[in-house]
């Protein structure tokens, strides 16, 4: 950019010199002839006319041309600096974006045209930063969704290996369901560019809860946490949802309850019909969530205990996925907490 400033200054000087040369030539050639004619008509001698011309007009023109050249150099240098500085910053910011720093921004400065270019660059960088954030969140979401069935598979396989659970057709059926779920999740990666939402189906919410609890039970047993399920006497709760989404919601809430419930305590899952919805609650006997943190627990990447790492405290997206999937189905989510533990709930529209 320093070379650009020098070139701009030299260009301004060249323009000024051309203008000064043209004016000087006109004055010294044409002006001299006109001056001599006028003085001759007034009766002045040729020697006197030349002396007057050299002592007045030529001197003034020479001084004026020198001053104009100096001013043009100064003005050209200032304009070159004013133009090259924002361009240099824009170039530096562009290199930072190319290196992956999408937070790079340039100041709104310089002439109006350059300021407009800076605004356009900032809009582009902001769009790239948002796209990168969405890409990272998407990868994290899918990693989390893939982790849940893998955890269930590991739990069943380790339980059978350790002799805690005997192989049976029911166990192999559960394992097959988790493998099918992994296949559906992997296929959904190929359809990310599509805009057609997954179709909701009529289903038995009570049966989905029982299946989710059975899949999560090995993890609860290893953690020393008891599980109690309370469903309506009829045993059926009709709702409309995307089966895979509902399975993910229940798995995330149960995993969250297992993570934050101390050994020896009980996690209670209840479900019941409301006037226009079906309500599911998962209560744990863990520590109370501070009132300041409670409104933020469903936010992406938010963790109540900042000292926990991802291995012990999760990545902070499980509950955010729950909120997203439930609201896509037309439902609502919420959380309550007190000294006796915490309660997470979600509702789905009733049929």
Protein backbone atom coordinates (compact mmCIF):
# COMPACT_ATOMS: atom_id res chain seq x y z
CA UNK A 1 0.00 0.00 0.00
CA UNK A 2 3.01 2.36 0.46
CA UNK A 3 3.76 1.91 -3.23
CA UNK A 4 0.17 2.83 -4.01
CA UNK A 5 0.51 6.02 -1.94
CA UNK A 6 3.72 6.94 -3.81
CA UNK A 7 2.08 6.31 -7.17
CA UNK A 8 -0.95 8.39 -6.21
CA UNK A 9 1.30 11.25 -5.02
CA UNK A 10 3.38 11.12 -8.20
CA UNK A 11 0.22 11.07 -10.32
CA UNK A 12 -1.11 14.15 -8.50
CA UNK A 13 2.26 15.88 -8.97
CA UNK A 14 2.31 15.03 -12.68
CA UNK A 15 -1.17 16.48 -13.16
CA UNK A 16 -0.15 19.63 -11.27
CA UNK A 17 3.05 20.00 -13.33
CA UNK A 18 1.15 19.68 -16.58
CA UNK A 19 -1.30 22.33 -15.45
CA UNK A 20 1.50 24.63 -14.23
CA UNK A 21 3.48 24.10 -17.43
CA UNK A 22 0.48 24.90 -19.61
CA UNK A 23 -0.35 28.07 -17.68
CA UNK A 24 3.32 29.16 -17.57
CA UNK A 25 3.79 28.62 -21.28
CA UNK A 26 0.67 30.58 -22.04
CA UNK A 27 1.73 33.47 -19.83
CA UNK A 28 5.36 33.58 -20.98
CA UNK A 29 4.66 33.23 -24.69
CA UNK A 30 1.27 34.73 -25.40
CA UNK A 31 1.31 37.10 -22.43
CA UNK A 32 4.78 38.38 -23.35
CA UNK A 33 3.71 39.17 -26.90
CA UNK A 34 0.55 40.98 -25.80
CA UNK A 35 2.48 42.89 -23.09
CA UNK A 36 5.15 44.04 -25.55
CA UNK A 37 2.52 45.24 -28.04
CA UNK A 38 0.69 47.23 -25.39
CA UNK A 39 3.87 48.77 -24.03
CA UNK A 40 5.11 49.66 -27.54
CA UNK A 41 1.87 51.44 -28.27
CA UNK A 42 2.40 53.45 -25.08
CA UNK A 43 5.78 54.64 -26.34
CA UNK A 44 8.02 52.45 -24.18
CA UNK A 45 11.30 51.21 -25.59
CA UNK A 46 11.91 47.56 -26.23
CA UNK A 47 14.62 47.37 -23.54
CA UNK A 48 12.31 48.97 -20.95
CA UNK A 49 9.49 46.62 -21.86
CA UNK A 50 11.71 43.54 -21.47
CA UNK A 51 13.04 44.80 -18.16
CA UNK A 52 9.53 45.40 -16.84
CA UNK A 53 8.41 41.99 -18.06
CA UNK A 54 11.33 40.14 -16.48
CA UNK A 55 11.07 42.04 -13.21
CA UNK A 56 7.37 41.58 -12.71
CA UNK A 57 5.48 38.94 -14.64
CA UNK A 58 8.25 36.35 -15.07
CA UNK A 59 9.21 36.58 -11.40
CA UNK A 60 5.60 36.23 -10.27
CA UNK A 61 5.00 33.30 -12.58
CA UNK A 62 8.17 31.52 -11.40
CA UNK A 63 7.32 31.99 -7.72
CA UNK A 64 3.71 31.01 -8.26
CA UNK A 65 4.71 27.89 -10.21
CA UNK A 66 7.11 26.84 -7.44
CA UNK A 67 4.47 27.36 -4.74
CA UNK A 68 1.87 25.50 -6.80
CA UNK A 69 4.27 22.56 -7.26
CA UNK A 70 4.95 22.37 -3.54
CA UNK A 71 1.23 22.58 -2.71
CA UNK A 72 0.43 19.90 -5.27
CA UNK A 73 3.04 17.60 -3.73
CA UNK A 74 1.59 18.15 -0.25
CA UNK A 75 -2.01 17.78 -1.37
CA UNK A 76 -1.18 14.72 -3.45
CA UNK A 77 0.60 13.13 -0.49
CA UNK A 78 -2.36 13.83 1.80
CA UNK A 79 -4.87 12.41 -0.67
CA UNK A 80 -2.67 9.38 -1.25
CA UNK A 81 -2.43 8.78 2.52
CA UNK A 82 -6.17 9.25 2.95
CA UNK A 83 -6.92 6.75 0.20
CA UNK A 84 -4.20 4.20 0.92
CA UNK A 85 -4.79 3.89 4.68
CA UNK A 86 -8.35 2.49 4.48
CA UNK A 87 -7.33 0.35 1.51
CA UNK A 88 -4.41 -1.05 3.53
CA UNK A 89 -6.73 -1.87 6.44
CA UNK A 90 -9.24 -3.43 4.06
CA UNK A 91 -6.51 -5.58 2.54
CA UNK A 92 -5.32 -6.68 5.98
CA UNK A 93 -8.85 -7.57 7.06
CA UNK A 94 -9.38 -9.52 3.83
CA UNK A 95 -6.23 -11.56 4.54
CA UNK A 96 -7.48 -12.28 8.08
CA UNK A 97 -10.81 -13.52 6.70
CA UNK A 98 -8.93 -15.69 4.19
CA UNK A 99 -7.02 -17.21 7.12
CA UNK A 100 -10.29 -18.06 8.90
CA UNK A 101 -10.69 -15.05 11.20
CA UNK A 102 -14.29 -14.19 10.34
CA UNK A 103 -14.48 -11.64 13.16
CA UNK A 104 -12.27 -9.22 11.19
CA UNK A 105 -13.91 -5.84 10.54
CA UNK A 106 -12.75 -2.54 9.04
CA UNK A 107 -13.58 0.96 10.27
CA UNK A 108 -16.06 3.18 8.46
CA UNK A 109 -13.61 5.83 7.29
CA UNK A 110 -12.20 7.56 4.24
CA UNK A 111 -14.12 8.94 1.26
CA UNK A 112 -17.73 7.95 0.85
CA UNK A 113 -16.95 5.39 -1.84
CA UNK A 114 -14.30 3.65 0.29
CA UNK A 115 -16.58 3.80 3.34
CA UNK A 116 -19.26 2.05 1.27
CA UNK A 117 -16.74 -0.65 0.31
CA UNK A 118 -15.85 -1.05 4.00
CA UNK A 119 -19.53 -1.47 4.91
CA UNK A 120 -19.96 -4.10 2.19
CA UNK A 121 -16.87 -5.94 3.43
CA UNK A 122 -18.16 -5.91 7.01
CA UNK A 123 -21.52 -7.31 5.87
CA UNK A 124 -19.74 -10.06 3.95
CA UNK A 125 -17.51 -10.91 6.95
CA UNK A 126 -20.54 -10.97 9.26
CA UNK A 127 -22.40 -13.31 6.91
CA UNK A 128 -19.36 -15.61 6.71
CA UNK A 129 -19.02 -15.57 10.50
CA UNK A 130 -22.69 -16.49 10.91
CA UNK A 131 -22.41 -19.28 8.36
CA UNK A 132 -19.33 -20.65 10.12
CA UNK A 133 -21.14 -20.53 13.46
CA UNK A 134 -24.15 -22.31 11.99
CA UNK A 135 -21.87 -24.94 10.44
CA UNK A 136 -20.12 -25.53 13.77
CA UNK A 137 -23.45 -25.75 15.60
CA UNK A 138 -24.80 -28.17 13.00
CA UNK A 139 -21.77 -30.42 13.37
CA UNK A 140 -22.08 -30.27 17.16
CA UNK A 141 -25.79 -31.11 16.96
CA UNK A 142 -25.23 -34.14 14.78
CA UNK A 143 -22.31 -35.27 16.91
CA UNK A 144 -24.54 -35.07 19.95
CA UNK A 145 -27.38 -36.92 18.24
CA UNK A 146 -25.02 -39.65 17.07
CA UNK A 147 -23.49 -39.93 20.53
CA UNK A 148 -26.78 -40.90 22.21
CA UNK A 149 -27.48 -44.15 20.31
CA UNK A 150 -23.78 -45.02 20.46
CA UNK A 151 -23.89 -44.62 24.23
CA UNK A 152 -26.94 -46.89 24.41
CA UNK A 153 -25.23 -49.50 22.25
CA UNK A 154 -22.12 -49.37 24.42
CA UNK A 155 -24.24 -49.74 27.56
CA UNK A 156 -26.02 -52.84 26.29
CA UNK A 157 -22.84 -54.45 24.96
CA UNK A 158 -20.92 -53.83 28.18
CA UNK A 159 -23.84 -55.13 30.24
CA UNK A 160 -23.90 -58.35 28.20
CA UNK A 161 -20.12 -58.63 28.34
CA UNK A 162 -20.11 -58.28 32.13
CA UNK A 163 -22.97 -60.74 32.54
CA UNK A 164 -25.30 -58.10 33.97
CA UNK A 165 -27.76 -58.59 31.12
CA UNK A 166 -28.43 -61.84 29.30
CA UNK A 167 -28.68 -61.79 25.49
CA UNK A 168 -32.31 -62.12 24.45
CA UNK A 169 -34.46 -61.36 21.42
CA UNK A 170 -35.71 -58.24 23.18
CA UNK A 171 -32.16 -56.96 23.77
CA UNK A 172 -31.16 -57.64 20.16
CA UNK A 173 -34.29 -55.88 18.98
CA UNK A 174 -33.34 -52.81 21.03
CA UNK A 175 -29.84 -52.92 19.59
CA UNK A 176 -31.25 -53.17 16.08
CA UNK A 177 -33.47 -50.13 16.73
CA UNK A 178 -30.44 -48.11 17.78
CA UNK A 179 -28.54 -49.20 14.66
CA UNK A 180 -31.54 -48.22 12.53
CA UNK A 181 -31.59 -44.88 14.27
CA UNK A 182 -27.90 -44.34 13.47
CA UNK A 183 -28.60 -45.12 9.83
CA UNK A 184 -31.46 -42.61 9.74
CA UNK A 185 -29.27 -39.95 11.31
CA UNK A 186 -26.51 -40.58 8.79
CA UNK A 187 -29.00 -40.39 5.92
CA UNK A 188 -30.29 -37.10 7.22
CA UNK A 189 -26.81 -35.64 6.69
CA UNK A 190 -27.31 -36.15 2.96
CA UNK A 191 -30.60 -34.25 3.00
CA UNK A 192 -29.38 -31.12 4.83
CA UNK A 193 -29.70 -29.06 1.66
CA UNK A 194 -33.36 -29.98 1.27
CA UNK A 195 -36.12 -27.85 2.73
CA UNK A 196 -38.79 -30.51 3.25
CA UNK A 197 -39.44 -31.11 6.97
CA UNK A 198 -39.78 -34.60 8.37
CA UNK A 199 -43.37 -35.77 8.50
CA UNK A 200 -45.05 -36.03 11.91
CA UNK A 201 -46.93 -39.19 12.75
CA UNK A 202 -49.59 -40.23 15.21
CA UNK A 203 -47.90 -42.22 17.96
CA UNK A 204 -48.30 -43.52 21.47
CA UNK A 205 -46.27 -41.21 23.69
CA UNK A 206 -46.46 -43.65 26.61
CA UNK A 207 -44.86 -46.40 24.52
CA UNK A 208 -42.13 -44.00 23.37
CA UNK A 209 -41.40 -43.13 27.02
CA UNK A 210 -41.15 -46.79 28.02
CA UNK A 211 -38.77 -47.50 25.11
CA UNK A 212 -36.58 -44.51 25.95
CA UNK A 213 -36.41 -45.48 29.63
CA UNK A 214 -35.43 -49.06 28.79
CA UNK A 215 -32.69 -47.86 26.47
CA UNK A 216 -31.34 -45.50 29.14
CA UNK A 217 -31.72 -47.95 32.06
CA UNK A 218 -28.20 -49.49 31.79
CA UNK A 219 -26.70 -46.01 32.16
CA UNK A 220 -28.86 -45.27 35.20
CA UNK A 221 -27.89 -48.59 36.77
CA UNK A 222 -24.18 -47.90 36.29
CA UNK A 223 -24.66 -44.48 37.89
CA UNK A 224 -26.57 -45.98 40.84
CA UNK A 225 -29.69 -43.92 40.06
CA UNK A 226 -33.20 -45.35 40.39
CA UNK A 227 -35.86 -44.71 37.73
CA UNK A 228 -39.60 -44.48 38.31
CA UNK A 229 -42.14 -44.14 35.51
CA UNK A 230 -45.66 -42.85 36.20
CA UNK A 231 -48.07 -43.11 33.27
CA UNK A 232 -51.87 -42.80 33.07
CA UNK A 233 -53.90 -45.88 34.05
CA UNK A 234 -54.97 -46.43 30.45
CA UNK A 235 -51.36 -46.70 29.40
CA UNK A 236 -51.76 -44.80 26.11
CA UNK A 237 -51.14 -41.16 25.29
CA UNK A 238 -51.90 -40.24 21.71
CA UNK A 239 -49.79 -37.44 20.27
CA UNK A 240 -48.43 -36.30 16.93
CA UNK A 241 -44.69 -35.95 16.50
CA UNK A 242 -41.69 -37.04 14.44
CA UNK A 243 -40.67 -40.38 16.02
CA UNK A 244 -36.91 -39.81 15.73
CA UNK A 245 -37.24 -36.29 17.12
CA UNK A 246 -39.30 -37.52 20.06
CA UNK A 247 -36.75 -40.26 20.76
CA UNK A 248 -33.98 -37.66 20.73
CA UNK A 249 -35.90 -35.36 23.08
CA UNK A 250 -36.53 -38.15 25.59
CA UNK A 251 -32.96 -39.47 25.33
CA UNK A 252 -31.48 -36.00 25.92
CA UNK A 253 -33.69 -35.31 28.94
CA UNK A 254 -32.96 -38.73 30.46
CA UNK A 255 -29.25 -38.31 29.84
CA UNK A 256 -29.38 -34.89 31.47
CA UNK A 257 -31.22 -36.33 34.48
CA UNK A 258 -28.70 -39.16 34.83
CA UNK A 259 -25.75 -36.76 34.63
CA UNK A 260 -26.98 -34.45 37.39
CA UNK A 261 -28.64 -36.93 39.77
CA UNK A 262 -26.43 -38.23 42.62
CA UNK A 263 -26.14 -41.97 43.20
CA UNK A 264 -28.92 -43.32 45.39
CA UNK A 265 -31.47 -40.73 44.25
CA UNK A 266 -34.47 -41.30 41.99
CA UNK A 267 -35.41 -39.89 38.60
CA UNK A 268 -39.16 -39.75 38.03
CA UNK A 269 -40.75 -39.64 34.57
CA UNK A 270 -44.42 -38.68 34.47
CA UNK A 271 -46.80 -38.07 31.60
CA UNK A 272 -50.41 -37.06 31.39
CA UNK A 273 -53.06 -35.51 29.20
CA UNK A 274 -53.81 -31.80 29.51
CA UNK A 275 -56.87 -30.04 28.01
CA UNK A 276 -55.15 -29.42 24.67
CA UNK A 277 -51.74 -31.05 25.03
CA UNK A 278 -49.77 -33.96 26.45
CA UNK A 279 -47.31 -33.07 29.22
CA UNK A 280 -44.14 -35.04 30.00
CA UNK A 281 -42.00 -34.26 33.07
CA UNK A 282 -38.62 -35.63 34.14
CA UNK A 283 -37.67 -34.81 37.73
CA UNK A 284 -34.32 -35.50 39.35
CA UNK A 285 -32.98 -35.22 42.87
CA UNK A 286 -29.89 -33.25 41.97
CA UNK A 287 -28.65 -29.89 43.16
CA UNK A 288 -30.83 -26.82 42.76
CA UNK A 289 -30.23 -24.75 39.62
CA UNK A 290 -29.57 -21.10 40.58
CA UNK A 291 -32.43 -18.75 39.73
CA UNK A 292 -30.12 -16.64 37.55
CA UNK A 293 -29.21 -19.68 35.41
CA UNK A 294 -32.66 -21.25 35.13
CA UNK A 295 -33.92 -19.04 32.24
CA UNK A 296 -30.82 -19.93 30.18
CA UNK A 297 -30.63 -23.72 30.53
CA UNK A 298 -32.19 -24.28 27.08
CA UNK A 299 -29.75 -21.93 25.37
CA UNK A 300 -27.12 -23.41 23.10
CA UNK A 301 -23.73 -24.12 24.72
CA UNK A 302 -24.92 -22.86 28.13
CA UNK A 303 -23.70 -24.80 31.15
CA UNK A 304 -24.77 -23.98 34.70
CA UNK A 305 -21.52 -25.23 36.21
CA UNK A 306 -18.83 -23.46 34.18
CA UNK A 307 -16.12 -25.57 35.85
CA UNK A 308 -17.40 -28.79 34.28
CA UNK A 309 -15.75 -29.97 31.11
CA UNK A 310 -17.66 -31.62 28.27
CA UNK A 311 -16.94 -35.11 29.52
CA UNK A 312 -18.54 -34.44 32.90
CA UNK A 313 -20.97 -31.66 32.14
CA UNK A 314 -21.97 -32.13 28.52
CA UNK A 315 -21.37 -29.81 25.60
CA UNK A 316 -24.29 -27.57 26.49
CA UNK A 317 -26.42 -28.38 23.44
CA UNK A 318 -28.58 -31.30 24.62
CA UNK A 319 -31.32 -29.13 26.10
CA UNK A 320 -31.04 -26.68 23.19
CA UNK A 321 -31.82 -29.57 20.82
CA UNK A 322 -34.77 -30.51 23.03
CA UNK A 323 -36.18 -26.99 22.78
CA UNK A 324 -35.68 -26.82 19.03
CA UNK A 325 -37.29 -30.18 18.28
CA UNK A 326 -40.23 -29.68 20.64
CA UNK A 327 -41.00 -26.22 19.28
CA UNK A 328 -40.79 -27.54 15.72
CA UNK A 329 -43.57 -29.95 16.70
CA UNK A 330 -45.67 -27.06 18.04
CA UNK A 331 -44.95 -27.76 21.69
CA UNK A 332 -43.29 -25.96 24.58
CA UNK A 333 -40.49 -26.67 27.05
CA UNK A 334 -39.71 -25.46 30.54
CA UNK A 335 -37.68 -26.06 33.68
CA UNK A 336 -38.23 -25.60 37.40
CA UNK A 337 -35.80 -26.09 40.26
CA UNK A 338 -35.81 -26.08 44.03
CA UNK A 339 -34.07 -27.65 46.99
CA UNK A 340 -35.61 -31.02 46.16
CA UNK A 341 -34.13 -31.13 42.68
CA UNK A 342 -35.06 -29.99 39.19
CA UNK A 343 -37.96 -30.70 36.85
CA UNK A 344 -37.73 -30.46 33.08
CA UNK A 345 -40.91 -30.72 31.07
CA UNK A 346 -42.20 -30.51 27.53
CA UNK A 347 -45.64 -30.56 26.02
CA UNK A 348 -46.88 -31.68 22.62
CA UNK A 349 -50.23 -30.86 20.99
CA UNK A 350 -52.82 -33.48 21.80
CA UNK A 351 -54.77 -35.25 19.06
